[in-house]
Amino acid sequence: MTTQIEKAKAFATLHVKGQPVILFNIWDAGSASVVAEAGAAAIATGSAPVAMAQGYGDGQNMPLEEALANAARIVGAVDLPVSLDFEGAYAVEAEGIKANVTRALETGVVGFNFEDQVVGTSDLHAVDVQAARVRVMRDACDAAGVPAYINARTDLFLKAAPEDHSEAMLEEAITRAKAFADAGASGFFAPALKDEAMIARLCAATDLPVNIIALPGTPENSRLADLGVARISYGPVPYKKMVSWLGDQAEAALGSLG
């Protein structure tokens, strides 16, 4: 693959219900190269590990300039499609979303995670408001001539413990999936959803490829495939495991002389 458009088209084809693409989330050019060499079909950043690796907290605390420079280095390090976890696009209103998406596409990325949380709060954008924001992102991609994959994320299930996930929340998620699809989303991301029956119903209720994150307690990947999931990501899990290993190794080395 040589062009951004070719990579964007190839990335979209990886999302097949029942045959999910695995995205083992990375945070910088070095980790991207390692995952690419392991056989990945595509590369995806996670906003939390990207921020934490640079000493920031998640939630758009990493300055946009740094986030885009990091994305450009990742794109330059691998010959694979790269999807950017763009949180809330670092903007609320249409003008800011359009400008920031345009700049992000200039780094060479071919996909976005775009969340419906009002960044910095515990609230979600109203369905119609977020759908309009998704439409702005799609229009910006179209204007740039890049058929980027917009993975429209709902934070509904992150707002409650898994045992408190309800039928009402699932219905709200399905409503959001439809609205986001109508606005031009390419996929639907429901992080923290773990219940098999709910996952299956969500996958059946939307034509969008559904993304589930492999957090502890989530069904095995093979089972997620059976349920109709089209994309499995790992979010901050790889980074946290790596940091835990690093801490253990450092502790052992620093205490090795007794």
Protein backbone atom coordinates (compact mmCIF):
# COMPACT_ATOMS: atom_id res chain seq x y z
CA MET A 1 0.00 0.00 0.00
CA THR A 2 1.36 3.39 -0.91
CA THR A 3 -1.37 6.01 -0.76
CA GLN A 4 -3.54 7.22 2.07
CA ILE A 5 -6.69 6.57 0.05
CA GLU A 6 -5.65 2.98 -0.64
CA LYS A 7 -4.96 2.44 3.04
CA ALA A 8 -8.32 3.95 3.98
CA LYS A 9 -10.16 1.62 1.61
CA ALA A 10 -8.19 -1.39 2.81
CA PHE A 11 -8.88 -0.51 6.45
CA ALA A 12 -12.62 -0.35 5.87
CA THR A 13 -12.66 -3.82 4.29
CA LEU A 14 -11.11 -5.33 7.42
CA HIS A 15 -14.33 -4.73 9.37
CA VAL A 16 -16.49 -7.80 8.79
CA LYS A 17 -19.22 -8.95 11.16
CA GLY A 18 -18.25 -12.31 12.55
CA GLN A 19 -14.67 -12.00 11.29
CA PRO A 20 -13.34 -9.16 13.43
CA VAL A 21 -10.16 -7.26 12.79
CA ILE A 22 -7.87 -7.25 15.85
CA LEU A 23 -6.41 -3.87 16.78
CA PHE A 24 -3.78 -4.20 19.48
CA ASN A 25 -3.61 -0.55 20.47
CA ILE A 26 -0.28 1.25 20.48
CA TRP A 27 1.00 4.60 21.69
CA ASP A 28 4.07 5.63 19.67
CA ALA A 29 6.13 4.78 16.61
CA GLY A 30 8.16 2.15 18.44
CA SER A 31 5.16 0.24 19.76
CA ALA A 32 3.50 0.54 16.34
CA SER A 33 6.51 -1.09 14.69
CA VAL A 34 6.47 -3.96 17.18
CA VAL A 35 2.77 -4.66 16.60
CA ALA A 36 3.19 -4.37 12.84
CA GLU A 37 6.03 -6.90 12.91
CA ALA A 38 3.81 -9.23 14.95
CA GLY A 39 1.49 -9.49 11.95
CA ALA A 40 -1.11 -6.75 12.46
CA ALA A 41 -3.32 -5.85 9.51
CA ALA A 42 -3.72 -2.30 10.82
CA ILE A 43 -2.54 -0.03 13.62
CA ALA A 44 -4.68 1.92 16.06
CA THR A 45 -3.72 4.34 18.78
CA GLY A 46 -5.49 4.53 22.13
CA SER A 47 -5.90 8.00 23.59
CA ALA A 48 -5.14 6.87 27.14
CA PRO A 49 -1.85 5.07 26.40
CA VAL A 50 -0.73 7.82 24.03
CA ALA A 51 -1.32 10.43 26.74
CA MET A 52 0.13 8.37 29.60
CA ALA A 53 3.26 7.53 27.63
CA GLN A 54 3.91 11.27 27.32
CA GLY A 55 3.11 12.05 30.95
CA TYR A 56 -0.42 13.37 30.44
CA GLY A 57 -3.79 12.23 31.68
CA ASP A 58 -6.41 10.96 29.24
CA GLY A 59 -9.18 13.27 28.07
CA GLN A 60 -7.49 15.64 25.59
CA ASN A 61 -4.92 16.70 28.18
CA MET A 62 -2.17 16.00 25.67
CA PRO A 63 -1.85 19.13 23.50
CA LEU A 64 -3.23 18.72 20.00
CA GLU A 65 0.09 19.63 18.41
CA GLU A 66 1.83 16.81 20.27
CA ALA A 67 -0.94 14.33 19.53
CA LEU A 68 -0.75 15.08 15.80
CA ALA A 69 3.04 14.96 15.74
CA ASN A 70 2.90 11.57 17.44
CA ALA A 71 0.36 10.34 14.88
CA ALA A 72 2.60 11.48 12.03
CA ARG A 73 5.56 9.56 13.47
CA ILE A 74 3.41 6.43 13.79
CA VAL A 75 2.21 6.70 10.19
CA GLY A 76 5.81 7.12 9.07
CA ALA A 77 6.97 4.06 10.99
CA VAL A 78 4.63 1.48 9.44
CA ASP A 79 3.25 0.66 6.00
CA LEU A 80 -0.19 -0.13 7.38
CA PRO A 81 -3.46 1.77 7.83
CA VAL A 82 -3.36 3.83 11.03
CA SER A 83 -6.46 4.80 12.99
CA LEU A 84 -6.28 7.68 15.44
CA ASP A 85 -8.19 7.77 18.71
CA PHE A 86 -9.21 11.40 18.37
CA GLU A 87 -11.42 11.52 21.50
CA GLY A 88 -13.80 14.47 20.93
CA ALA A 89 -11.73 15.89 18.03
CA TYR A 90 -10.41 18.55 20.43
CA ALA A 91 -13.43 20.70 19.65
CA VAL A 92 -17.14 21.01 20.37
CA GLU A 93 -18.39 23.15 17.53
CA ALA A 94 -18.39 22.36 13.83
CA GLU A 95 -15.68 24.81 12.79
CA GLY A 96 -13.18 23.38 15.25
CA ILE A 97 -14.01 19.76 14.41
CA LYS A 98 -13.56 20.42 10.69
CA ALA A 99 -10.23 22.17 11.18
CA ASN A 100 -8.82 19.54 13.52
CA VAL A 101 -9.95 16.57 11.41
CA THR A 102 -8.39 18.20 8.34
CA ARG A 103 -5.11 18.60 10.20
CA ALA A 104 -5.25 15.04 11.49
CA LEU A 105 -5.75 13.66 7.99
CA GLU A 106 -2.63 15.52 6.90
CA THR A 107 -0.61 13.21 9.18
CA GLY A 108 -1.67 10.26 7.02
CA VAL A 109 -4.13 8.56 9.36
CA VAL A 110 -7.11 6.82 7.75
CA GLY A 111 -9.51 6.40 10.64
CA PHE A 112 -10.81 8.02 13.79
CA ASN A 113 -12.35 7.01 17.08
CA PHE A 114 -14.82 9.79 17.83
CA GLU A 115 -16.57 9.73 21.19
CA ASP A 116 -19.91 11.15 22.31
CA GLN A 117 -18.73 12.11 25.78
CA VAL A 118 -18.50 15.80 26.53
CA VAL A 119 -14.78 15.73 27.21
CA GLY A 120 -13.90 16.76 30.74
CA THR A 121 -17.35 15.93 32.10
CA SER A 122 -19.41 12.85 32.89
CA ASP A 123 -22.08 13.87 30.38
CA LEU A 124 -22.78 12.68 26.85
CA HIS A 125 -23.69 14.89 23.93
CA ALA A 126 -27.37 14.55 23.06
CA VAL A 127 -27.96 12.12 20.21
CA ASP A 128 -28.82 14.81 17.67
CA VAL A 129 -25.88 16.95 18.71
CA GLN A 130 -23.39 14.10 18.39
CA ALA A 131 -24.89 12.98 15.10
CA ALA A 132 -24.35 16.48 13.76
CA ARG A 133 -20.74 16.33 14.98
CA VAL A 134 -20.25 13.00 13.18
CA ARG A 135 -21.64 14.59 10.02
CA VAL A 136 -19.10 17.41 10.30
CA MET A 137 -16.30 14.87 10.63
CA ARG A 138 -17.55 12.98 7.59
CA ASP A 139 -17.84 16.18 5.57
CA ALA A 140 -14.27 17.12 6.54
CA CYS A 141 -12.99 13.73 5.39
CA ASP A 142 -14.90 14.05 2.13
CA ALA A 143 -13.51 17.53 1.56
CA ALA A 144 -10.00 16.19 2.07
CA GLY A 145 -10.68 13.40 -0.40
CA VAL A 146 -9.96 10.65 2.14
CA PRO A 147 -12.63 7.97 2.79
CA ALA A 148 -11.62 7.77 6.43
CA TYR A 149 -13.21 5.24 8.76
CA ILE A 150 -15.21 7.00 11.49
CA ASN A 151 -15.60 4.69 14.47
CA ALA A 152 -18.40 6.49 16.33
CA ARG A 153 -18.07 5.69 20.01
CA THR A 154 -20.67 5.84 22.74
CA ASP A 155 -19.54 6.09 26.34
CA LEU A 156 -22.91 4.91 27.66
CA PHE A 157 -21.57 1.66 29.05
CA LEU A 158 -18.54 3.30 30.63
CA LYS A 159 -20.88 5.24 32.89
CA ALA A 160 -22.01 2.21 34.91
CA ALA A 161 -20.61 -1.05 36.24
CA PRO A 162 -21.23 -4.03 33.91
CA GLU A 163 -23.75 -5.52 36.33
CA ASP A 164 -25.78 -2.32 36.03
CA HIS A 165 -25.97 -2.29 32.23
CA SER A 166 -29.66 -2.24 31.45
CA GLU A 167 -32.11 -2.75 28.61
CA ALA A 168 -32.66 0.99 28.55
CA MET A 169 -28.94 1.59 28.02
CA LEU A 170 -28.87 -0.94 25.21
CA GLU A 171 -31.85 0.70 23.51
CA GLU A 172 -30.15 4.07 23.85
CA ALA A 173 -27.02 2.62 22.27
CA ILE A 174 -29.02 1.23 19.35
CA THR A 175 -30.66 4.64 18.88
CA ARG A 176 -27.25 6.28 18.83
CA ALA A 177 -25.88 3.72 16.38
CA LYS A 178 -28.70 4.48 13.94
CA ALA A 179 -28.28 8.23 14.27
CA PHE A 180 -24.52 8.02 13.83
CA ALA A 181 -24.89 5.71 10.82
CA ASP A 182 -27.29 8.16 9.20
CA ALA A 183 -24.74 10.92 9.82
CA GLY A 184 -21.95 9.08 8.01
CA ALA A 185 -20.26 6.91 10.64
CA SER A 186 -18.43 3.83 9.40
CA GLY A 187 -18.58 1.81 12.61
CA PHE A 188 -19.98 1.84 16.14
CA PHE A 189 -17.84 1.45 19.26
CA ALA A 190 -19.35 0.41 22.61
CA PRO A 191 -16.47 0.25 25.11
CA ALA A 192 -17.12 -1.60 28.40
CA LEU A 193 -20.08 -3.57 27.02
CA LYS A 194 -19.40 -7.16 28.13
CA ASP A 195 -22.73 -8.99 28.29
CA GLU A 196 -22.96 -11.56 25.51
CA ALA A 197 -26.67 -11.18 24.90
CA MET A 198 -26.43 -7.39 24.72
CA ILE A 199 -23.44 -7.54 22.38
CA ALA A 200 -25.31 -9.92 20.07
CA ARG A 201 -28.40 -7.71 20.06
CA LEU A 202 -26.38 -4.60 19.32
CA CYS A 203 -24.58 -6.30 16.43
CA ALA A 204 -27.90 -7.49 15.01
CA ALA A 205 -29.62 -4.13 15.45
CA THR A 206 -27.18 -2.03 13.41
CA ASP A 207 -25.68 -2.38 9.97
CA LEU A 208 -22.54 -0.70 11.28
CA PRO A 209 -19.58 -2.92 12.18
CA VAL A 210 -19.48 -3.08 15.99
CA ASN A 211 -16.27 -2.58 17.96
CA ILE A 212 -15.86 -4.17 21.41
CA ILE A 213 -12.84 -3.63 23.63
CA ALA A 214 -11.13 -6.66 25.16
CA LEU A 215 -11.14 -5.53 28.77
CA PRO A 216 -10.94 -8.05 31.60
CA GLY A 217 -14.25 -9.90 31.85
CA THR A 218 -15.13 -9.45 28.19
CA PRO A 219 -15.92 -12.65 26.25
CA GLU A 220 -13.00 -14.29 24.45
CA ASN A 221 -12.25 -13.02 20.95
CA SER A 222 -13.59 -16.17 19.32
CA ARG A 223 -16.86 -15.73 21.18
CA LEU A 224 -17.07 -12.05 20.20
CA ALA A 225 -16.73 -13.19 16.60
CA ASP A 226 -19.61 -15.62 17.09
CA LEU A 227 -21.72 -12.75 18.45
CA GLY A 228 -21.20 -10.71 15.28
CA VAL A 229 -18.48 -8.28 16.39
CA ALA A 230 -16.43 -6.80 13.53
CA ARG A 231 -13.61 -5.10 15.42
CA ILE A 232 -11.83 -5.98 18.65
CA SER A 233 -9.52 -3.43 20.21
CA TYR A 234 -7.44 -3.46 23.37
CA GLY A 235 -7.39 0.17 24.49
CA PRO A 236 -5.03 0.82 27.41
CA VAL A 237 -4.54 -2.86 28.28
CA PRO A 238 -1.25 -3.40 26.37
CA TYR A 239 0.30 -0.23 27.76
CA LYS A 240 -0.74 -1.00 31.33
CA LYS A 241 0.65 -4.52 31.11
CA MET A 242 3.90 -3.21 29.66
CA VAL A 243 4.23 -0.61 32.42
CA SER A 244 3.52 -3.22 35.07
CA TRP A 245 6.22 -5.46 33.61
CA LEU A 246 8.64 -2.53 33.46
CA GLY A 247 7.99 -1.67 37.09
CA ASP A 248 8.54 -5.25 38.21
CA GLN A 249 11.77 -5.51 36.25
CA ALA A 250 13.05 -2.19 37.56
CA GLU A 251 12.20 -3.18 41.12
CA ALA A 252 14.09 -6.47 40.75
CA ALA A 253 17.12 -4.79 39.19
CA LEU A 254 17.28 -1.97 41.72
CA GLY A 255 17.08 -4.42 44.58
CA SER A 256 19.47 -6.96 43.10
CA LEU A 257 22.43 -6.04 45.32
CA GLY A 258 20.48 -6.67 48.52
